[in-house]
Amino acid sequence: MKILIEFDCNNAAFTDDFHGEVASMLVQANHKIREAMERRSCACDPPESSNRLLDTNGNTVGKIEVKDG
C-alpha cells in the first residue's frame, strides 16, 4: 500500500501561520486516510471531496491518495 500526501504551501494561509497550517494539513490527511481505509471494503466510489485537503481559508491546496500495491 502507498499513501501519498501532497499540498501546495504557496498561499496566504501558509504565509500567516506556516507551521500551524502544515499541522492542519497532516491532521486532515490522517482523518481522510482513516476514512479511505474504512472504505476499502466497499465497492462504492468515494466522493471527490474525500481526497481534498483544504487550508484554513477553505481553499483546496492538496490531496491524499491511498493506493494498493
PDB file of N, CA and C in Angstrom:
ATOM      1  N   MET A   1       0.847  -1.170   0.000  1.00  0.00           N
ATOM      2  CA  MET A   1       0.000   0.000   0.000  1.00  0.00           C
ATOM      3  C   MET A   1       0.893   1.234   0.000  1.00  0.00           C
ATOM      4  N   LYS A   2       0.434   2.273  -0.714  1.00  0.00           N
ATOM      5  CA  LYS A   2       1.115   3.557  -0.742  1.00  0.00           C
ATOM      6  C   LYS A   2       0.141   4.626  -0.278  1.00  0.00           C
ATOM      7  N   ILE A   3       0.656   5.569   0.489  1.00  0.00           N
ATOM      8  CA  ILE A   3      -0.129   6.733   0.881  1.00  0.00           C
ATOM      9  C   ILE A   3       0.640   7.957   0.414  1.00  0.00           C
ATOM     10  N   LEU A   4       0.007   8.743  -0.427  1.00  0.00           N
ATOM     11  CA  LEU A   4       0.616   9.962  -0.950  1.00  0.00           C
ATOM     12  C   LEU A   4      -0.129  11.167  -0.395  1.00  0.00           C
ATOM     13  N   ILE A   5       0.619  12.087   0.185  1.00  0.00           N
ATOM     14  CA  ILE A   5       0.048  13.331   0.701  1.00  0.00           C
ATOM     15  C   ILE A   5       0.764  14.463  -0.015  1.00  0.00           C
ATOM     16  N   GLU A   6       0.001  15.319  -0.668  1.00  0.00           N
ATOM     17  CA  GLU A   6       0.597  16.425  -1.421  1.00  0.00           C
ATOM     18  C   GLU A   6      -0.212  17.687  -1.170  1.00  0.00           C
ATOM     19  N   PHE A   7       0.479  18.779  -0.848  1.00  0.00           N
ATOM     20  CA  PHE A   7      -0.220  20.057  -0.722  1.00  0.00           C
ATOM     21  C   PHE A   7       0.719  21.202  -1.068  1.00  0.00           C
ATOM     22  N   ASP A   8       0.134  22.273  -1.572  1.00  0.00           N
ATOM     23  CA  ASP A   8       0.852  23.462  -2.019  1.00  0.00           C
ATOM     24  C   ASP A   8       0.873  24.476  -0.877  1.00  0.00           C
ATOM     25  N   CYS A   9       2.041  24.989  -0.567  1.00  0.00           N
ATOM     26  CA  CYS A   9       2.196  25.936   0.541  1.00  0.00           C
ATOM     27  C   CYS A   9       2.308  27.384   0.071  1.00  0.00           C
ATOM     28  N   ASN A  10       1.950  27.654  -1.175  1.00  0.00           N
ATOM     29  CA  ASN A  10       2.122  28.995  -1.747  1.00  0.00           C
ATOM     30  C   ASN A  10       0.832  29.798  -1.734  1.00  0.00           C
ATOM     31  N   ASN A  11       0.270  30.013  -0.538  1.00  0.00           N
ATOM     32  CA  ASN A  11      -0.895  30.890  -0.453  1.00  0.00           C
ATOM     33  C   ASN A  11      -0.911  31.590   0.894  1.00  0.00           C
ATOM     34  N   ALA A  12      -1.860  32.484   1.093  1.00  0.00           N
ATOM     35  CA  ALA A  12      -1.897  33.343   2.272  1.00  0.00           C
ATOM     36  C   ALA A  12      -1.982  32.571   3.581  1.00  0.00           C
ATOM     37  N   ALA A  13      -2.711  31.490   3.604  1.00  0.00           N
ATOM     38  CA  ALA A  13      -2.861  30.734   4.848  1.00  0.00           C
ATOM     39  C   ALA A  13      -1.502  30.258   5.368  1.00  0.00           C
ATOM     40  N   PHE A  14      -0.636  29.827   4.483  1.00  0.00           N
ATOM     41  CA  PHE A  14       0.689  29.360   4.890  1.00  0.00           C
ATOM     42  C   PHE A  14       1.605  30.525   5.237  1.00  0.00           C
ATOM     43  N   THR A  15       1.394  31.673   4.625  1.00  0.00           N
ATOM     44  CA  THR A  15       2.194  32.852   4.942  1.00  0.00           C
ATOM     45  C   THR A  15       1.897  33.331   6.352  1.00  0.00           C
ATOM     46  N   ASP A  16       0.629  33.291   6.732  1.00  0.00           N
ATOM     47  CA  ASP A  16       0.214  33.766   8.050  1.00  0.00           C
ATOM     48  C   ASP A  16       0.687  32.858   9.184  1.00  0.00           C
ATOM     49  N   ASP A  17       0.629  31.535   9.003  1.00  0.00           N
ATOM     50  CA  ASP A  17       0.987  30.580  10.061  1.00  0.00           C
ATOM     51  C   ASP A  17       1.448  29.279   9.416  1.00  0.00           C
ATOM     52  N   PHE A  18       2.671  29.279   8.914  1.00  0.00           N
ATOM     53  CA  PHE A  18       3.172  28.132   8.166  1.00  0.00           C
ATOM     54  C   PHE A  18       3.087  26.831   8.971  1.00  0.00           C
ATOM     55  N   HIS A  19       3.641  26.812  10.157  1.00  0.00           N
ATOM     56  CA  HIS A  19       3.689  25.579  10.949  1.00  0.00           C
ATOM     57  C   HIS A  19       2.296  25.114  11.360  1.00  0.00           C
ATOM     58  N   GLY A  20       1.433  26.036  11.712  1.00  0.00           N
ATOM     59  CA  GLY A  20       0.065  25.685  12.071  1.00  0.00           C
ATOM     60  C   GLY A  20      -0.701  25.123  10.886  1.00  0.00           C
ATOM     61  N   GLU A  21      -0.461  25.686   9.721  1.00  0.00           N
ATOM     62  CA  GLU A  21      -1.156  25.223   8.511  1.00  0.00           C
ATOM     63  C   GLU A  21      -0.666  23.835   8.098  1.00  0.00           C
ATOM     64  N   VAL A  22       0.638  23.594   8.200  1.00  0.00           N
ATOM     65  CA  VAL A  22       1.174  22.258   7.894  1.00  0.00           C
ATOM     66  C   VAL A  22       0.582  21.237   8.863  1.00  0.00           C
ATOM     67  N   ALA A  23       0.520  21.589  10.133  1.00  0.00           N
ATOM     68  CA  ALA A  23      -0.075  20.691  11.127  1.00  0.00           C
ATOM     69  C   ALA A  23      -1.527  20.391  10.773  1.00  0.00           C
ATOM     70  N   SER A  24      -2.258  21.397  10.344  1.00  0.00           N
ATOM     71  CA  SER A  24      -3.655  21.222   9.950  1.00  0.00           C
ATOM     72  C   SER A  24      -3.771  20.275   8.761  1.00  0.00           C
ATOM     73  N   MET A  25      -2.871  20.395   7.780  1.00  0.00           N
ATOM     74  CA  MET A  25      -2.892  19.504   6.613  1.00  0.00           C
ATOM     75  C   MET A  25      -2.682  18.059   7.047  1.00  0.00           C
ATOM     76  N   LEU A  26      -1.770  17.836   7.983  1.00  0.00           N
ATOM     77  CA  LEU A  26      -1.467  16.472   8.423  1.00  0.00           C
ATOM     78  C   LEU A  26      -2.614  15.885   9.248  1.00  0.00           C
ATOM     79  N   VAL A  27      -3.285  16.711  10.038  1.00  0.00           N
ATOM     80  CA  VAL A  27      -4.452  16.245  10.791  1.00  0.00           C
ATOM     81  C   VAL A  27      -5.565  15.857   9.822  1.00  0.00           C
ATOM     82  N   GLN A  28      -5.815  16.721   8.824  1.00  0.00           N
ATOM     83  CA  GLN A  28      -6.825  16.402   7.804  1.00  0.00           C
ATOM     84  C   GLN A  28      -6.466  15.122   7.061  1.00  0.00           C
ATOM     85  N   ALA A  29      -5.191  15.003   6.678  1.00  0.00           N
ATOM     86  CA  ALA A  29      -4.749  13.824   5.937  1.00  0.00           C
ATOM     87  C   ALA A  29      -4.974  12.566   6.767  1.00  0.00           C
ATOM     88  N   ASN A  30      -4.667  12.625   8.049  1.00  0.00           N
ATOM     89  CA  ASN A  30      -4.870  11.478   8.926  1.00  0.00           C
ATOM     90  C   ASN A  30      -6.340  11.059   8.930  1.00  0.00           C
ATOM     91  N   HIS A  31      -7.227  12.017   9.066  1.00  0.00           N
ATOM     92  CA  HIS A  31      -8.669  11.739   9.083  1.00  0.00           C
ATOM     93  C   HIS A  31      -9.117  11.121   7.752  1.00  0.00           C
ATOM     94  N   LYS A  32      -8.657  11.671   6.652  1.00  0.00           N
ATOM     95  CA  LYS A  32      -9.069  11.197   5.334  1.00  0.00           C
ATOM     96  C   LYS A  32      -8.481   9.821   5.014  1.00  0.00           C
ATOM     97  N   ILE A  33      -7.280   9.552   5.507  1.00  0.00           N
ATOM     98  CA  ILE A  33      -6.680   8.229   5.318  1.00  0.00           C
ATOM     99  C   ILE A  33      -7.495   7.183   6.077  1.00  0.00           C
ATOM    100  N   ARG A  34      -7.895   7.509   7.290  1.00  0.00           N
ATOM    101  CA  ARG A  34      -8.739   6.584   8.064  1.00  0.00           C
ATOM    102  C   ARG A  34     -10.041   6.294   7.324  1.00  0.00           C
ATOM    103  N   GLU A  35     -10.663   7.342   6.778  1.00  0.00           N
ATOM    104  CA  GLU A  35     -11.898   7.155   6.005  1.00  0.00           C
ATOM    105  C   GLU A  35     -11.645   6.264   4.797  1.00  0.00           C
ATOM    106  N   ALA A  36     -10.559   6.503   4.106  1.00  0.00           N
ATOM    107  CA  ALA A  36     -10.241   5.713   2.911  1.00  0.00           C
ATOM    108  C   ALA A  36     -10.008   4.256   3.267  1.00  0.00           C
ATOM    109  N   MET A  37      -9.359   4.004   4.385  1.00  0.00           N
ATOM    110  CA  MET A  37      -9.097   2.630   4.808  1.00  0.00           C
ATOM    111  C   MET A  37     -10.407   1.914   5.146  1.00  0.00           C
ATOM    112  N   GLU A  38     -11.336   2.611   5.745  1.00  0.00           N
ATOM    113  CA  GLU A  38     -12.639   2.024   6.064  1.00  0.00           C
ATOM    114  C   GLU A  38     -13.439   1.753   4.796  1.00  0.00           C
ATOM    115  N   ARG A  39     -13.269   2.580   3.792  1.00  0.00           N
ATOM    116  CA  ARG A  39     -13.975   2.432   2.519  1.00  0.00           C
ATOM    117  C   ARG A  39     -13.433   1.283   1.688  1.00  0.00           C
ATOM    118  N   ARG A  40     -12.216   0.850   1.924  1.00  0.00           N
ATOM    119  CA  ARG A  40     -11.573  -0.178   1.107  1.00  0.00           C
ATOM    120  C   ARG A  40     -12.441  -1.415   0.936  1.00  0.00           C
ATOM    121  N   SER A  41     -13.206  -1.782   1.955  1.00  0.00           N
ATOM    122  CA  SER A  41     -14.034  -2.977   1.854  1.00  0.00           C
ATOM    123  C   SER A  41     -15.323  -2.723   1.070  1.00  0.00           C
ATOM    124  N   CYS A  42     -15.552  -1.491   0.709  1.00  0.00           N
ATOM    125  CA  CYS A  42     -16.765  -1.092  -0.010  1.00  0.00           C
ATOM    126  C   CYS A  42     -16.477  -1.042  -1.509  1.00  0.00           C
ATOM    127  N   ALA A  43     -17.448  -1.417  -2.311  1.00  0.00           N
ATOM    128  CA  ALA A  43     -17.295  -1.367  -3.766  1.00  0.00           C
ATOM    129  C   ALA A  43     -17.747  -0.021  -4.328  1.00  0.00           C
ATOM    130  N   CYS A  44     -17.986   0.938  -3.471  1.00  0.00           N
ATOM    131  CA  CYS A  44     -18.503   2.236  -3.907  1.00  0.00           C
ATOM    132  C   CYS A  44     -17.363   3.192  -4.266  1.00  0.00           C
ATOM    133  N   ASP A  45     -17.684   4.209  -5.060  1.00  0.00           N
ATOM    134  CA  ASP A  45     -16.721   5.254  -5.378  1.00  0.00           C
ATOM    135  C   ASP A  45     -16.856   6.353  -4.339  1.00  0.00           C
ATOM    136  N   PRO A  46     -15.738   6.822  -3.764  1.00  0.00           N
ATOM    137  CA  PRO A  46     -15.819   7.886  -2.779  1.00  0.00           C
ATOM    138  C   PRO A  46     -16.145   9.218  -3.453  1.00  0.00           C
ATOM    139  N   PRO A  47     -16.745  10.127  -2.731  1.00  0.00           N
ATOM    140  CA  PRO A  47     -16.981  11.460  -3.309  1.00  0.00           C
ATOM    141  C   PRO A  47     -15.649  12.149  -3.581  1.00  0.00           C
ATOM    142  N   GLU A  48     -15.605  12.996  -4.588  1.00  0.00           N
ATOM    143  CA  GLU A  48     -14.365  13.674  -4.962  1.00  0.00           C
ATOM    144  C   GLU A  48     -13.765  14.435  -3.784  1.00  0.00           C
ATOM    145  N   SER A  49     -14.602  15.032  -2.956  1.00  0.00           N
ATOM    146  CA  SER A  49     -14.114  15.843  -1.842  1.00  0.00           C
ATOM    147  C   SER A  49     -13.386  15.030  -0.791  1.00  0.00           C
ATOM    148  N   SER A  50     -13.529  13.719  -0.802  1.00  0.00           N
ATOM    149  CA  SER A  50     -12.928  12.896   0.245  1.00  0.00           C
ATOM    150  C   SER A  50     -11.407  12.871   0.186  1.00  0.00           C
ATOM    151  N   ASN A  51     -10.811  13.272  -0.931  1.00  0.00           N
ATOM    152  CA  ASN A  51      -9.349  13.240  -1.015  1.00  0.00           C
ATOM    153  C   ASN A  51      -8.718  14.632  -1.004  1.00  0.00           C
ATOM    154  N   ARG A  52      -9.538  15.680  -0.930  1.00  0.00           N
ATOM    155  CA  ARG A  52      -9.008  17.047  -0.979  1.00  0.00           C
ATOM    156  C   ARG A  52      -8.577  17.538   0.395  1.00  0.00           C
ATOM    157  N   LEU A  53      -7.490  18.311   0.422  1.00  0.00           N
ATOM    158  CA  LEU A  53      -7.025  18.974   1.635  1.00  0.00           C
ATOM    159  C   LEU A  53      -7.299  20.467   1.491  1.00  0.00           C
ATOM    160  N   LEU A  54      -7.903  21.051   2.507  1.00  0.00           N
ATOM    161  CA  LEU A  54      -8.279  22.461   2.474  1.00  0.00           C
ATOM    162  C   LEU A  54      -7.457  23.255   3.485  1.00  0.00           C
ATOM    163  N   ASP A  55      -7.054  24.469   3.100  1.00  0.00           N
ATOM    164  CA  ASP A  55      -6.389  25.341   4.062  1.00  0.00           C
ATOM    165  C   ASP A  55      -7.432  25.990   4.970  1.00  0.00           C
ATOM    166  N   THR A  56      -6.978  26.774   5.936  1.00  0.00           N
ATOM    167  CA  THR A  56      -7.915  27.382   6.885  1.00  0.00           C
ATOM    168  C   THR A  56      -8.804  28.433   6.237  1.00  0.00           C
ATOM    169  N   ASN A  57      -8.461  28.861   5.024  1.00  0.00           N
ATOM    170  CA  ASN A  57      -9.314  29.798   4.283  1.00  0.00           C
ATOM    171  C   ASN A  57     -10.346  29.065   3.426  1.00  0.00           C
ATOM    172  N   GLY A  58     -10.318  27.742   3.434  1.00  0.00           N
ATOM    173  CA  GLY A  58     -11.274  26.946   2.666  1.00  0.00           C
ATOM    174  C   GLY A  58     -10.861  26.644   1.246  1.00  0.00           C
ATOM    175  N   ASN A  59      -9.638  26.988   0.892  1.00  0.00           N
ATOM    176  CA  ASN A  59      -9.143  26.721  -0.461  1.00  0.00           C
ATOM    177  C   ASN A  59      -8.576  25.303  -0.558  1.00  0.00           C
ATOM    178  N   THR A  60      -8.825  24.638  -1.673  1.00  0.00           N
ATOM    179  CA  THR A  60      -8.219  23.326  -1.914  1.00  0.00           C
ATOM    180  C   THR A  60      -6.748  23.542  -2.226  1.00  0.00           C
ATOM    181  N   VAL A  61      -5.873  22.936  -1.419  1.00  0.00           N
ATOM    182  CA  VAL A  61      -4.435  23.115  -1.615  1.00  0.00           C
ATOM    183  C   VAL A  61      -3.702  21.798  -1.841  1.00  0.00           C
ATOM    184  N   GLY A  62      -4.416  20.679  -1.717  1.00  0.00           N
ATOM    185  CA  GLY A  62      -3.736  19.410  -1.904  1.00  0.00           C
ATOM    186  C   GLY A  62      -4.684  18.238  -1.901  1.00  0.00           C
ATOM    187  N   LYS A  63      -4.087  17.044  -1.813  1.00  0.00           N
ATOM    188  CA  LYS A  63      -4.888  15.825  -1.856  1.00  0.00           C
ATOM    189  C   LYS A  63      -4.132  14.689  -1.178  1.00  0.00           C
ATOM    190  N   ILE A  64      -4.873  13.657  -0.869  1.00  0.00           N
ATOM    191  CA  ILE A  64      -4.279  12.403  -0.384  1.00  0.00           C
ATOM    192  C   ILE A  64      -4.674  11.314  -1.345  1.00  0.00           C
ATOM    193  N   GLU A  65      -3.842  10.308  -1.445  1.00  0.00           N
ATOM    194  CA  GLU A  65      -4.170   9.120  -2.230  1.00  0.00           C
ATOM    195  C   GLU A  65      -3.729   7.904  -1.436  1.00  0.00           C
ATOM    196  N   VAL A  66      -4.611   6.947  -1.324  1.00  0.00           N
ATOM    197  CA  VAL A  66      -4.286   5.664  -0.707  1.00  0.00           C
ATOM    198  C   VAL A  66      -4.394   4.629  -1.820  1.00  0.00           C
ATOM    199  N   LYS A  67      -3.258   4.022  -2.150  1.00  0.00           N
ATOM    200  CA  LYS A  67      -3.189   3.093  -3.277  1.00  0.00           C
ATOM    201  C   LYS A  67      -2.788   1.705  -2.807  1.00  0.00           C
ATOM    202  N   ASP A  68      -3.368   0.712  -3.416  1.00  0.00           N
ATOM    203  CA  ASP A  68      -2.937  -0.660  -3.173  1.00  0.00           C
ATOM    204  C   ASP A  68      -1.686  -0.915  -3.992  1.00  0.00           C
ATOM    205  N   GLY A  69      -0.759  -1.650  -3.406  1.00  0.00           N
ATOM    206  CA  GLY A  69       0.432  -2.036  -4.150  1.00  0.00           C
ATOM    207  C   GLY A  69       1.534  -1.109  -4.116  1.00  0.00           C
TER     208      GLY A  69
END
